[in-house]
Amino acid sequence: GLRFDTYALARGGNAIIPFYRAFIDDHIVSPKNGEASRRLTAAMQ
């Protein structure tokens, strides 16, 4: 939490399975989905 601003054992651990499905199988990840998706898009760019 102090180092990465995420108070958890591992960052993103709870999102691995749904993101994998959404990104690889369903292909529904898009910058139009919301603020988090736009941040991801900017980081990837």
ModelCIF file with pLDDT and N, C-alpha, C, O atoms, coordinates in Angstrom:
data_MODEL
#
_entry.id   MODEL 
#
_entity.id                         1 
_entity.type                       polymer 
_entity.pdbx_number_of_molecules   1 
#
_entity_poly.entity_id                      1 
_entity_poly.type                           'polypeptide(L)' 
_entity_poly.nstd_linkage                   no 
_entity_poly.nstd_monomer                   no 
_entity_poly.pdbx_seq_one_letter_code       GLRFDTYALARGGNAIIPFYRAFIDDHIVSPKNGEASRRLTAAMQ 
_entity_poly.pdbx_seq_one_letter_code_can   GLRFDTYALARGGNAIIPFYRAFIDDHIVSPKNGEASRRLTAAMQ 
_entity_poly.pdbx_strand_id                 A 
#
loop_
_entity_poly_seq.entity_id 
_entity_poly_seq.num 
_entity_poly_seq.mon_id 
_entity_poly_seq.hetero 
1 1  GLY n 
1 2  LEU n 
1 3  ARG n 
1 4  PHE n 
1 5  ASP n 
1 6  THR n 
1 7  TYR n 
1 8  ALA n 
1 9  LEU n 
1 10 ALA n 
1 11 ARG n 
1 12 GLY n 
1 13 GLY n 
1 14 ASN n 
1 15 ALA n 
1 16 ILE n 
1 17 ILE n 
1 18 PRO n 
1 19 PHE n 
1 20 TYR n 
1 21 ARG n 
1 22 ALA n 
1 23 PHE n 
1 24 ILE n 
1 25 ASP n 
1 26 ASP n 
1 27 HIS n 
1 28 ILE n 
1 29 VAL n 
1 30 SER n 
1 31 PRO n 
1 32 LYS n 
1 33 ASN n 
1 34 GLY n 
1 35 GLU n 
1 36 ALA n 
1 37 SER n 
1 38 ARG n 
1 39 ARG n 
1 40 LEU n 
1 41 THR n 
1 42 ALA n 
1 43 ALA n 
1 44 MET n 
1 45 GLN n 
#
_struct_asym.id          A 
_struct_asym.entity_id   1 
#
loop_
_ma_qa_metric.id 
_ma_qa_metric.mode 
_ma_qa_metric.name 
_ma_qa_metric.software_group_id 
_ma_qa_metric.type 
1 global pLDDT . pLDDT 
2 local  pLDDT . pLDDT 
#
_ma_qa_metric_global.metric_id      1 
_ma_qa_metric_global.metric_value   82.07 
_ma_qa_metric_global.model_id       1 
_ma_qa_metric_global.ordinal_id     1 
#
loop_
_ma_qa_metric_local.label_asym_id 
_ma_qa_metric_local.label_comp_id 
_ma_qa_metric_local.label_seq_id 
_ma_qa_metric_local.metric_id 
_ma_qa_metric_local.metric_value 
_ma_qa_metric_local.model_id 
_ma_qa_metric_local.ordinal_id 
A GLY 1  2 90.00 1 1  
A LEU 2  2 91.00 1 2  
A ARG 3  2 87.00 1 3  
A PHE 4  2 80.00 1 4  
A ASP 5  2 81.00 1 5  
A THR 6  2 80.00 1 6  
A TYR 7  2 85.00 1 7  
A ALA 8  2 84.00 1 8  
A LEU 9  2 84.00 1 9  
A ALA 10 2 78.00 1 10 
A ARG 11 2 66.00 1 11 
A GLY 12 2 57.00 1 12 
A GLY 13 2 52.00 1 13 
A ASN 14 2 46.00 1 14 
A ALA 15 2 50.00 1 15 
A ILE 16 2 56.00 1 16 
A ILE 17 2 63.00 1 17 
A PRO 18 2 79.00 1 18 
A PHE 19 2 81.00 1 19 
A TYR 20 2 80.00 1 20 
A ARG 21 2 84.00 1 21 
A ALA 22 2 87.00 1 22 
A PHE 23 2 87.00 1 23 
A ILE 24 2 87.00 1 24 
A ASP 25 2 86.00 1 25 
A ASP 26 2 88.00 1 26 
A HIS 27 2 87.00 1 27 
A ILE 28 2 90.00 1 28 
A VAL 29 2 89.00 1 29 
A SER 30 2 88.00 1 30 
A PRO 31 2 88.00 1 31 
A LYS 32 2 89.00 1 32 
A ASN 33 2 91.00 1 33 
A GLY 34 2 92.00 1 34 
A GLU 35 2 91.00 1 35 
A ALA 36 2 87.00 1 36 
A SER 37 2 89.00 1 37 
A ARG 38 2 92.00 1 38 
A ARG 39 2 89.00 1 39 
A LEU 40 2 88.00 1 40 
A THR 41 2 91.00 1 41 
A ALA 42 2 92.00 1 42 
A ALA 43 2 90.00 1 43 
A MET 44 2 90.00 1 44 
A GLN 45 2 91.00 1 45 
#
loop_
_atom_site.group_PDB 
_atom_site.id 
_atom_site.type_symbol 
_atom_site.label_atom_id 
_atom_site.label_alt_id 
_atom_site.label_comp_id 
_atom_site.label_asym_id 
_atom_site.label_entity_id 
_atom_site.label_seq_id 
_atom_site.pdbx_PDB_ins_code 
_atom_site.Cartn_x 
_atom_site.Cartn_y 
_atom_site.Cartn_z 
_atom_site.occupancy 
_atom_site.B_iso_or_equiv 
_atom_site.pdbx_formal_charge 
_atom_site.auth_seq_id 
_atom_site.auth_comp_id 
_atom_site.auth_asym_id 
_atom_site.auth_atom_id 
_atom_site.pdbx_PDB_model_num 
ATOM 1   N N  . GLY A 1 1  ? 0.816   -1.205  0.000   1.00 90.00 ? 1  GLY A N  1 
ATOM 2   C CA . GLY A 1 1  ? 0.000   0.000   0.000   1.00 90.00 ? 1  GLY A CA 1 
ATOM 3   C C  . GLY A 1 1  ? 0.850   1.255   0.000   1.00 90.00 ? 1  GLY A C  1 
ATOM 4   O O  . GLY A 1 1  ? 0.562   2.205   -0.728  1.00 90.00 ? 1  GLY A O  1 
ATOM 5   N N  . LEU A 1 2  ? 1.915   1.266   0.826   1.00 91.00 ? 2  LEU A N  1 
ATOM 6   C CA . LEU A 1 2  ? 2.780   2.438   0.884   1.00 91.00 ? 2  LEU A CA 1 
ATOM 7   C C  . LEU A 1 2  ? 3.633   2.567   -0.375  1.00 91.00 ? 2  LEU A C  1 
ATOM 8   O O  . LEU A 1 2  ? 3.933   3.675   -0.819  1.00 91.00 ? 2  LEU A O  1 
ATOM 9   N N  . ARG A 1 3  ? 4.016   1.441   -0.939  1.00 87.00 ? 3  ARG A N  1 
ATOM 10  C CA . ARG A 1 3  ? 4.901   1.468   -2.111  1.00 87.00 ? 3  ARG A CA 1 
ATOM 11  C C  . ARG A 1 3  ? 4.141   1.618   -3.419  1.00 87.00 ? 3  ARG A C  1 
ATOM 12  O O  . ARG A 1 3  ? 4.560   2.364   -4.304  1.00 87.00 ? 3  ARG A O  1 
ATOM 13  N N  . PHE A 1 4  ? 3.011   0.902   -3.543  1.00 80.00 ? 4  PHE A N  1 
ATOM 14  C CA . PHE A 1 4  ? 2.297   0.871   -4.823  1.00 80.00 ? 4  PHE A CA 1 
ATOM 15  C C  . PHE A 1 4  ? 0.873   1.424   -4.745  1.00 80.00 ? 4  PHE A C  1 
ATOM 16  O O  . PHE A 1 4  ? 0.146   1.422   -5.738  1.00 80.00 ? 4  PHE A O  1 
ATOM 17  N N  . ASP A 1 5  ? 0.480   1.897   -3.556  1.00 81.00 ? 5  ASP A N  1 
ATOM 18  C CA . ASP A 1 5  ? -0.868  2.436   -3.362  1.00 81.00 ? 5  ASP A CA 1 
ATOM 19  C C  . ASP A 1 5  ? -1.938  1.375   -3.570  1.00 81.00 ? 5  ASP A C  1 
ATOM 20  O O  . ASP A 1 5  ? -3.054  1.683   -3.987  1.00 81.00 ? 5  ASP A O  1 
ATOM 21  N N  . THR A 1 6  ? -1.591  0.113   -3.276  1.00 80.00 ? 6  THR A N  1 
ATOM 22  C CA . THR A 1 6  ? -2.556  -0.984  -3.360  1.00 80.00 ? 6  THR A CA 1 
ATOM 23  C C  . THR A 1 6  ? -2.383  -1.862  -2.121  1.00 80.00 ? 6  THR A C  1 
ATOM 24  O O  . THR A 1 6  ? -1.402  -2.596  -2.007  1.00 80.00 ? 6  THR A O  1 
ATOM 25  N N  . TYR A 1 7  ? -3.330  -1.783  -1.204  1.00 85.00 ? 7  TYR A N  1 
ATOM 26  C CA . TYR A 1 7  ? -3.217  -2.541  0.040   1.00 85.00 ? 7  TYR A CA 1 
ATOM 27  C C  . TYR A 1 7  ? -3.707  -3.967  -0.184  1.00 85.00 ? 7  TYR A C  1 
ATOM 28  O O  . TYR A 1 7  ? -4.851  -4.297  0.128   1.00 85.00 ? 7  TYR A O  1 
ATOM 29  N N  . ALA A 1 8  ? -2.834  -4.802  -0.724  1.00 84.00 ? 8  ALA A N  1 
ATOM 30  C CA . ALA A 1 8  ? -3.161  -6.197  -1.030  1.00 84.00 ? 8  ALA A CA 1 
ATOM 31  C C  . ALA A 1 8  ? -1.872  -6.988  -1.089  1.00 84.00 ? 8  ALA A C  1 
ATOM 32  O O  . ALA A 1 8  ? -0.783  -6.422  -1.181  1.00 84.00 ? 8  ALA A O  1 
ATOM 33  N N  . LEU A 1 9  ? -2.007  -8.318  -1.034  1.00 84.00 ? 9  LEU A N  1 
ATOM 34  C CA . LEU A 1 9  ? -0.820  -9.165  -1.136  1.00 84.00 ? 9  LEU A CA 1 
ATOM 35  C C  . LEU A 1 9  ? -0.176  -9.048  -2.505  1.00 84.00 ? 9  LEU A C  1 
ATOM 36  O O  . LEU A 1 9  ? 1.049   -9.012  -2.619  1.00 84.00 ? 9  LEU A O  1 
ATOM 37  N N  . ALA A 1 10 ? -0.997  -8.989  -3.547  1.00 78.00 ? 10 ALA A N  1 
ATOM 38  C CA . ALA A 1 10 ? -0.486  -8.888  -4.910  1.00 78.00 ? 10 ALA A CA 1 
ATOM 39  C C  . ALA A 1 10 ? -1.400  -7.969  -5.700  1.00 78.00 ? 10 ALA A C  1 
ATOM 40  O O  . ALA A 1 10 ? -2.623  -8.090  -5.634  1.00 78.00 ? 10 ALA A O  1 
ATOM 41  N N  . ARG A 1 11 ? -0.813  -7.067  -6.436  1.00 66.00 ? 11 ARG A N  1 
ATOM 42  C CA . ARG A 1 11 ? -1.627  -6.132  -7.205  1.00 66.00 ? 11 ARG A CA 1 
ATOM 43  C C  . ARG A 1 11 ? -2.279  -6.842  -8.377  1.00 66.00 ? 11 ARG A C  1 
ATOM 44  O O  . ARG A 1 11 ? -1.625  -7.572  -9.121  1.00 66.00 ? 11 ARG A O  1 
ATOM 45  N N  . GLY A 1 12 ? -3.586  -6.617  -8.531  1.00 57.00 ? 12 GLY A N  1 
ATOM 46  C CA . GLY A 1 12 ? -4.300  -7.173  -9.670  1.00 57.00 ? 12 GLY A CA 1 
ATOM 47  C C  . GLY A 1 12 ? -4.623  -8.643  -9.557  1.00 57.00 ? 12 GLY A C  1 
ATOM 48  O O  . GLY A 1 12 ? -5.145  -9.232  -10.504 1.00 57.00 ? 12 GLY A O  1 
ATOM 49  N N  . GLY A 1 13 ? -4.326  -9.254  -8.417  1.00 52.00 ? 13 GLY A N  1 
ATOM 50  C CA . GLY A 1 13 ? -4.551  -10.686 -8.298  1.00 52.00 ? 13 GLY A CA 1 
ATOM 51  C C  . GLY A 1 13 ? -6.001  -11.098 -8.477  1.00 52.00 ? 13 GLY A C  1 
ATOM 52  O O  . GLY A 1 13 ? -6.282  -12.164 -9.024  1.00 52.00 ? 13 GLY A O  1 
ATOM 53  N N  . ASN A 1 14 ? -6.928  -10.257 -8.017  1.00 46.00 ? 14 ASN A N  1 
ATOM 54  C CA . ASN A 1 14 ? -8.341  -10.606 -8.122  1.00 46.00 ? 14 ASN A CA 1 
ATOM 55  C C  . ASN A 1 14 ? -8.904  -10.364 -9.522  1.00 46.00 ? 14 ASN A C  1 
ATOM 56  O O  . ASN A 1 14 ? -10.026 -10.772 -9.819  1.00 46.00 ? 14 ASN A O  1 
ATOM 57  N N  . ALA A 1 15 ? -8.125  -9.701  -10.383 1.00 50.00 ? 15 ALA A N  1 
ATOM 58  C CA . ALA A 1 15 ? -8.644  -9.352  -11.711 1.00 50.00 ? 15 ALA A CA 1 
ATOM 59  C C  . ALA A 1 15 ? -8.062  -10.214 -12.817 1.00 50.00 ? 15 ALA A C  1 
ATOM 60  O O  . ALA A 1 15 ? -8.419  -10.043 -13.983 1.00 50.00 ? 15 ALA A O  1 
ATOM 61  N N  . ILE A 1 16 ? -7.169  -11.143 -12.475 1.00 56.00 ? 16 ILE A N  1 
ATOM 62  C CA . ILE A 1 16 ? -6.464  -11.905 -13.501 1.00 56.00 ? 16 ILE A CA 1 
ATOM 63  C C  . ILE A 1 16 ? -7.427  -12.719 -14.356 1.00 56.00 ? 16 ILE A C  1 
ATOM 64  O O  . ILE A 1 16 ? -7.396  -12.634 -15.584 1.00 56.00 ? 16 ILE A O  1 
ATOM 65  N N  . ILE A 1 17 ? -8.283  -13.511 -13.707 1.00 63.00 ? 17 ILE A N  1 
ATOM 66  C CA . ILE A 1 17 ? -9.147  -14.422 -14.465 1.00 63.00 ? 17 ILE A CA 1 
ATOM 67  C C  . ILE A 1 17 ? -10.181 -13.661 -15.296 1.00 63.00 ? 17 ILE A C  1 
ATOM 68  O O  . ILE A 1 17 ? -10.283 -13.932 -16.493 1.00 63.00 ? 17 ILE A O  1 
ATOM 69  N N  . PRO A 1 18 ? -10.963 -12.712 -14.729 1.00 79.00 ? 18 PRO A N  1 
ATOM 70  C CA . PRO A 1 18 ? -11.937 -12.011 -15.585 1.00 79.00 ? 18 PRO A CA 1 
ATOM 71  C C  . PRO A 1 18 ? -11.274 -11.196 -16.684 1.00 79.00 ? 18 PRO A C  1 
ATOM 72  O O  . PRO A 1 18 ? -11.805 -11.130 -17.793 1.00 79.00 ? 18 PRO A O  1 
ATOM 73  N N  . PHE A 1 19 ? -10.115 -10.565 -16.411 1.00 81.00 ? 19 PHE A N  1 
ATOM 74  C CA . PHE A 1 19 ? -9.458  -9.792  -17.457 1.00 81.00 ? 19 PHE A CA 1 
ATOM 75  C C  . PHE A 1 19 ? -8.957  -10.701 -18.574 1.00 81.00 ? 19 PHE A C  1 
ATOM 76  O O  . PHE A 1 19 ? -9.048  -10.361 -19.754 1.00 81.00 ? 19 PHE A O  1 
ATOM 77  N N  . TYR A 1 20 ? -8.428  -11.856 -18.190 1.00 80.00 ? 20 TYR A N  1 
ATOM 78  C CA . TYR A 1 20 ? -7.957  -12.823 -19.195 1.00 80.00 ? 20 TYR A CA 1 
ATOM 79  C C  . TYR A 1 20 ? -9.096  -13.201 -20.133 1.00 80.00 ? 20 TYR A C  1 
ATOM 80  O O  . TYR A 1 20 ? -8.931  -13.219 -21.353 1.00 80.00 ? 20 TYR A O  1 
ATOM 81  N N  . ARG A 1 21 ? -10.247 -13.501 -19.550 1.00 84.00 ? 21 ARG A N  1 
ATOM 82  C CA . ARG A 1 21 ? -11.405 -13.890 -20.356 1.00 84.00 ? 21 ARG A CA 1 
ATOM 83  C C  . ARG A 1 21 ? -11.880 -12.730 -21.230 1.00 84.00 ? 21 ARG A C  1 
ATOM 84  O O  . ARG A 1 21 ? -12.172 -12.909 -22.413 1.00 84.00 ? 21 ARG A O  1 
ATOM 85  N N  . ALA A 1 22 ? -11.952 -11.541 -20.635 1.00 87.00 ? 22 ALA A N  1 
ATOM 86  C CA . ALA A 1 22 ? -12.445 -10.383 -21.382 1.00 87.00 ? 22 ALA A CA 1 
ATOM 87  C C  . ALA A 1 22 ? -11.499 -9.975  -22.501 1.00 87.00 ? 22 ALA A C  1 
ATOM 88  O O  . ALA A 1 22 ? -11.941 -9.542  -23.565 1.00 87.00 ? 22 ALA A O  1 
ATOM 89  N N  . PHE A 1 23 ? -10.200 -10.113 -22.263 1.00 87.00 ? 23 PHE A N  1 
ATOM 90  C CA . PHE A 1 23 ? -9.217  -9.640  -23.232 1.00 87.00 ? 23 PHE A CA 1 
ATOM 91  C C  . PHE A 1 23 ? -8.923  -10.675 -24.314 1.00 87.00 ? 23 PHE A C  1 
ATOM 92  O O  . PHE A 1 23 ? -8.861  -10.337 -25.496 1.00 87.00 ? 23 PHE A O  1 
ATOM 93  N N  . ILE A 1 24 ? -8.743  -11.935 -23.917 1.00 87.00 ? 24 ILE A N  1 
ATOM 94  C CA . ILE A 1 24 ? -8.298  -12.963 -24.867 1.00 87.00 ? 24 ILE A CA 1 
ATOM 95  C C  . ILE A 1 24 ? -9.461  -13.708 -25.515 1.00 87.00 ? 24 ILE A C  1 
ATOM 96  O O  . ILE A 1 24 ? -9.425  -13.978 -26.716 1.00 87.00 ? 24 ILE A O  1 
ATOM 97  N N  . ASP A 1 25 ? -10.481 -14.041 -24.748 1.00 86.00 ? 25 ASP A N  1 
ATOM 98  C CA . ASP A 1 25 ? -11.578 -14.854 -25.286 1.00 86.00 ? 25 ASP A CA 1 
ATOM 99  C C  . ASP A 1 25 ? -12.722 -14.008 -25.860 1.00 86.00 ? 25 ASP A C  1 
ATOM 100 O O  . ASP A 1 25 ? -13.167 -14.238 -26.984 1.00 86.00 ? 25 ASP A O  1 
ATOM 101 N N  . ASP A 1 26 ? -13.185 -13.043 -25.088 1.00 88.00 ? 26 ASP A N  1 
ATOM 102 C CA . ASP A 1 26 ? -14.362 -12.280 -25.501 1.00 88.00 ? 26 ASP A CA 1 
ATOM 103 C C  . ASP A 1 26 ? -14.017 -11.020 -26.301 1.00 88.00 ? 26 ASP A C  1 
ATOM 104 O O  . ASP A 1 26 ? -14.861 -10.501 -27.030 1.00 88.00 ? 26 ASP A O  1 
ATOM 105 N N  . HIS A 1 27 ? -12.777 -10.526 -26.169 1.00 87.00 ? 27 HIS A N  1 
ATOM 106 C CA . HIS A 1 27 ? -12.329 -9.332  -26.904 1.00 87.00 ? 27 HIS A CA 1 
ATOM 107 C C  . HIS A 1 27 ? -13.264 -8.139  -26.669 1.00 87.00 ? 27 HIS A C  1 
ATOM 108 O O  . HIS A 1 27 ? -13.682 -7.467  -27.612 1.00 87.00 ? 27 HIS A O  1 
ATOM 109 N N  . ILE A 1 28 ? -13.577 -7.895  -25.418 1.00 90.00 ? 28 ILE A N  1 
ATOM 110 C CA . ILE A 1 28 ? -14.487 -6.794  -25.099 1.00 90.00 ? 28 ILE A CA 1 
ATOM 111 C C  . ILE A 1 28 ? -13.777 -5.662  -24.355 1.00 90.00 ? 28 ILE A C  1 
ATOM 112 O O  . ILE A 1 28 ? -14.424 -4.711  -23.917 1.00 90.00 ? 28 ILE A O  1 
ATOM 113 N N  . VAL A 1 29 ? -12.448 -5.756  -24.205 1.00 89.00 ? 29 VAL A N  1 
ATOM 114 C CA . VAL A 1 29 ? -11.700 -4.667  -23.592 1.00 89.00 ? 29 VAL A CA 1 
ATOM 115 C C  . VAL A 1 29 ? -11.551 -3.544  -24.613 1.00 89.00 ? 29 VAL A C  1 
ATOM 116 O O  . VAL A 1 29 ? -11.126 -3.778  -25.745 1.00 89.00 ? 29 VAL A O  1 
ATOM 117 N N  . SER A 1 30 ? -11.899 -2.339  -24.214 1.00 88.00 ? 30 SER A N  1 
ATOM 118 C CA . SER A 1 30 ? -11.874 -1.205  -25.140 1.00 88.00 ? 30 SER A CA 1 
ATOM 119 C C  . SER A 1 30 ? -11.703 0.077   -24.354 1.00 88.00 ? 30 SER A C  1 
ATOM 120 O O  . SER A 1 30 ? -12.202 0.182   -23.233 1.00 88.00 ? 30 SER A O  1 
ATOM 121 N N  . PRO A 1 31 ? -10.997 1.072   -24.925 1.00 88.00 ? 31 PRO A N  1 
ATOM 122 C CA . PRO A 1 31 ? -10.854 2.365   -24.235 1.00 88.00 ? 31 PRO A CA 1 
ATOM 123 C C  . PRO A 1 31 ? -12.188 3.059   -24.013 1.00 88.00 ? 31 PRO A C  1 
ATOM 124 O O  . PRO A 1 31 ? -12.262 4.009   -23.234 1.00 88.00 ? 31 PRO A O  1 
ATOM 125 N N  . LYS A 1 32 ? -13.233 2.609   -24.677 1.00 89.00 ? 32 LYS A N  1 
ATOM 126 C CA . LYS A 1 32 ? -14.550 3.212   -24.503 1.00 89.00 ? 32 LYS A CA 1 
ATOM 127 C C  . LYS A 1 32 ? -15.267 2.705   -23.251 1.00 89.00 ? 32 LYS A C  1 
ATOM 128 O O  . LYS A 1 32 ? -16.337 3.200   -22.899 1.00 89.00 ? 32 LYS A O  1 
ATOM 129 N N  . ASN A 1 33 ? -14.664 1.705   -22.577 1.00 91.00 ? 33 ASN A N  1 
ATOM 130 C CA . ASN A 1 33 ? -15.358 1.073   -21.446 1.00 91.00 ? 33 ASN A CA 1 
ATOM 131 C C  . ASN A 1 33 ? -15.414 1.949   -20.200 1.00 91.00 ? 33 ASN A C  1 
ATOM 132 O O  . ASN A 1 33 ? -16.318 1.806   -19.377 1.00 91.00 ? 33 ASN A O  1 
ATOM 133 N N  . GLY A 1 34 ? -14.451 2.850   -20.061 1.00 92.00 ? 34 GLY A N  1 
ATOM 134 C CA . GLY A 1 34 ? -14.443 3.666   -18.855 1.00 92.00 ? 34 GLY A CA 1 
ATOM 135 C C  . GLY A 1 34 ? -13.064 4.212   -18.560 1.00 92.00 ? 34 GLY A C  1 
ATOM 136 O O  . GLY A 1 34 ? -12.134 4.054   -19.350 1.00 92.00 ? 34 GLY A O  1 
ATOM 137 N N  . GLU A 1 35 ? -12.941 4.865   -17.397 1.00 91.00 ? 35 GLU A N  1 
ATOM 138 C CA . GLU A 1 35 ? -11.706 5.537   -17.032 1.00 91.00 ? 35 GLU A CA 1 
ATOM 139 C C  . GLU A 1 35 ? -10.542 4.555   -16.903 1.00 91.00 ? 35 GLU A C  1 
ATOM 140 O O  . GLU A 1 35 ? -9.446  4.828   -17.393 1.00 91.00 ? 35 GLU A O  1 
ATOM 141 N N  . ALA A 1 36 ? -10.771 3.415   -16.248 1.00 87.00 ? 36 ALA A N  1 
ATOM 142 C CA . ALA A 1 36 ? -9.688  2.442   -16.083 1.00 87.00 ? 36 ALA A CA 1 
ATOM 143 C C  . ALA A 1 36 ? -9.196  1.928   -17.431 1.00 87.00 ? 36 ALA A C  1 
ATOM 144 O O  . ALA A 1 36 ? -7.995  1.744   -17.627 1.00 87.00 ? 36 ALA A O  1 
ATOM 145 N N  . SER A 1 37 ? -10.116 1.699   -18.355 1.00 89.00 ? 37 SER A N  1 
ATOM 146 C CA . SER A 1 37 ? -9.732  1.227   -19.687 1.00 89.00 ? 37 SER A CA 1 
ATOM 147 C C  . SER A 1 37 ? -8.955  2.298   -20.444 1.00 89.00 ? 37 SER A C  1 
ATOM 148 O O  . SER A 1 37 ? -8.031  1.984   -21.195 1.00 89.00 ? 37 SER A O  1 
ATOM 149 N N  . ARG A 1 38 ? -9.322  3.549   -20.251 1.00 92.00 ? 38 ARG A N  1 
ATOM 150 C CA . ARG A 1 38 ? -8.587  4.633   -20.907 1.00 92.00 ? 38 ARG A CA 1 
ATOM 151 C C  . ARG A 1 38 ? -7.178  4.767   -20.338 1.00 92.00 ? 38 ARG A C  1 
ATOM 152 O O  . ARG A 1 38 ? -6.234  5.064   -21.070 1.00 92.00 ? 38 ARG A O  1 
ATOM 153 N N  . ARG A 1 39 ? -7.037  4.550   -19.035 1.00 89.00 ? 39 ARG A N  1 
ATOM 154 C CA . ARG A 1 39 ? -5.699  4.575   -18.433 1.00 89.00 ? 39 ARG A CA 1 
ATOM 155 C C  . ARG A 1 39 ? -4.856  3.434   -18.970 1.00 89.00 ? 39 ARG A C  1 
ATOM 156 O O  . ARG A 1 39 ? -3.673  3.617   -19.257 1.00 89.00 ? 39 ARG A O  1 
ATOM 157 N N  . LEU A 1 40 ? -5.452  2.259   -19.110 1.00 88.00 ? 40 LEU A N  1 
ATOM 158 C CA . LEU A 1 40 ? -4.731  1.114   -19.673 1.00 88.00 ? 40 LEU A CA 1 
ATOM 159 C C  . LEU A 1 40 ? -4.300  1.415   -21.105 1.00 88.00 ? 40 LEU A C  1 
ATOM 160 O O  . LEU A 1 40 ? -3.165  1.134   -21.490 1.00 88.00 ? 40 LEU A O  1 
ATOM 161 N N  . THR A 1 41 ? -5.202  1.982   -21.883 1.00 91.00 ? 41 THR A N  1 
ATOM 162 C CA . THR A 1 41 ? -4.894  2.309   -23.270 1.00 91.00 ? 41 THR A CA 1 
ATOM 163 C C  . THR A 1 41 ? -3.737  3.299   -23.366 1.00 91.00 ? 41 THR A C  1 
ATOM 164 O O  . THR A 1 41 ? -2.839  3.130   -24.192 1.00 91.00 ? 41 THR A O  1 
ATOM 165 N N  . ALA A 1 42 ? -3.756  4.317   -22.535 1.00 92.00 ? 42 ALA A N  1 
ATOM 166 C CA . ALA A 1 42 ? -2.689  5.314   -22.555 1.00 92.00 ? 42 ALA A CA 1 
ATOM 167 C C  . ALA A 1 42 ? -1.348  4.687   -22.175 1.00 92.00 ? 42 ALA A C  1 
ATOM 168 O O  . ALA A 1 42 ? -0.320  5.002   -22.774 1.00 92.00 ? 42 ALA A O  1 
ATOM 169 N N  . ALA A 1 43 ? -1.361  3.803   -21.182 1.00 90.00 ? 43 ALA A N  1 
ATOM 170 C CA . ALA A 1 43 ? -0.128  3.140   -20.761 1.00 90.00 ? 43 ALA A CA 1 
ATOM 171 C C  . ALA A 1 43 ? 0.406   2.236   -21.866 1.00 90.00 ? 43 ALA A C  1 
ATOM 172 O O  . ALA A 1 43 ? 1.614   2.196   -22.104 1.00 90.00 ? 43 ALA A O  1 
ATOM 173 N N  . MET A 1 44 ? -0.478  1.513   -22.541 1.00 90.00 ? 44 MET A N  1 
ATOM 174 C CA . MET A 1 44 ? -0.059  0.638   -23.634 1.00 90.00 ? 44 MET A CA 1 
ATOM 175 C C  . MET A 1 44 ? 0.508   1.452   -24.797 1.00 90.00 ? 44 MET A C  1 
ATOM 176 O O  . MET A 1 44 ? 1.506   1.064   -25.405 1.00 90.00 ? 44 MET A O  1 
ATOM 177 N N  . GLN A 1 45 ? -0.127  2.576   -25.102 1.00 91.00 ? 45 GLN A N  1 
ATOM 178 C CA . GLN A 1 45 ? 0.337   3.436   -26.191 1.00 91.00 ? 45 GLN A CA 1 
ATOM 179 C C  . GLN A 1 45 ? 1.730   3.997   -25.897 1.00 91.00 ? 45 GLN A C  1 
ATOM 180 O O  . GLN A 1 45 ? 2.279   4.744   -26.708 1.00 91.00 ? 45 GLN A O  1 
#
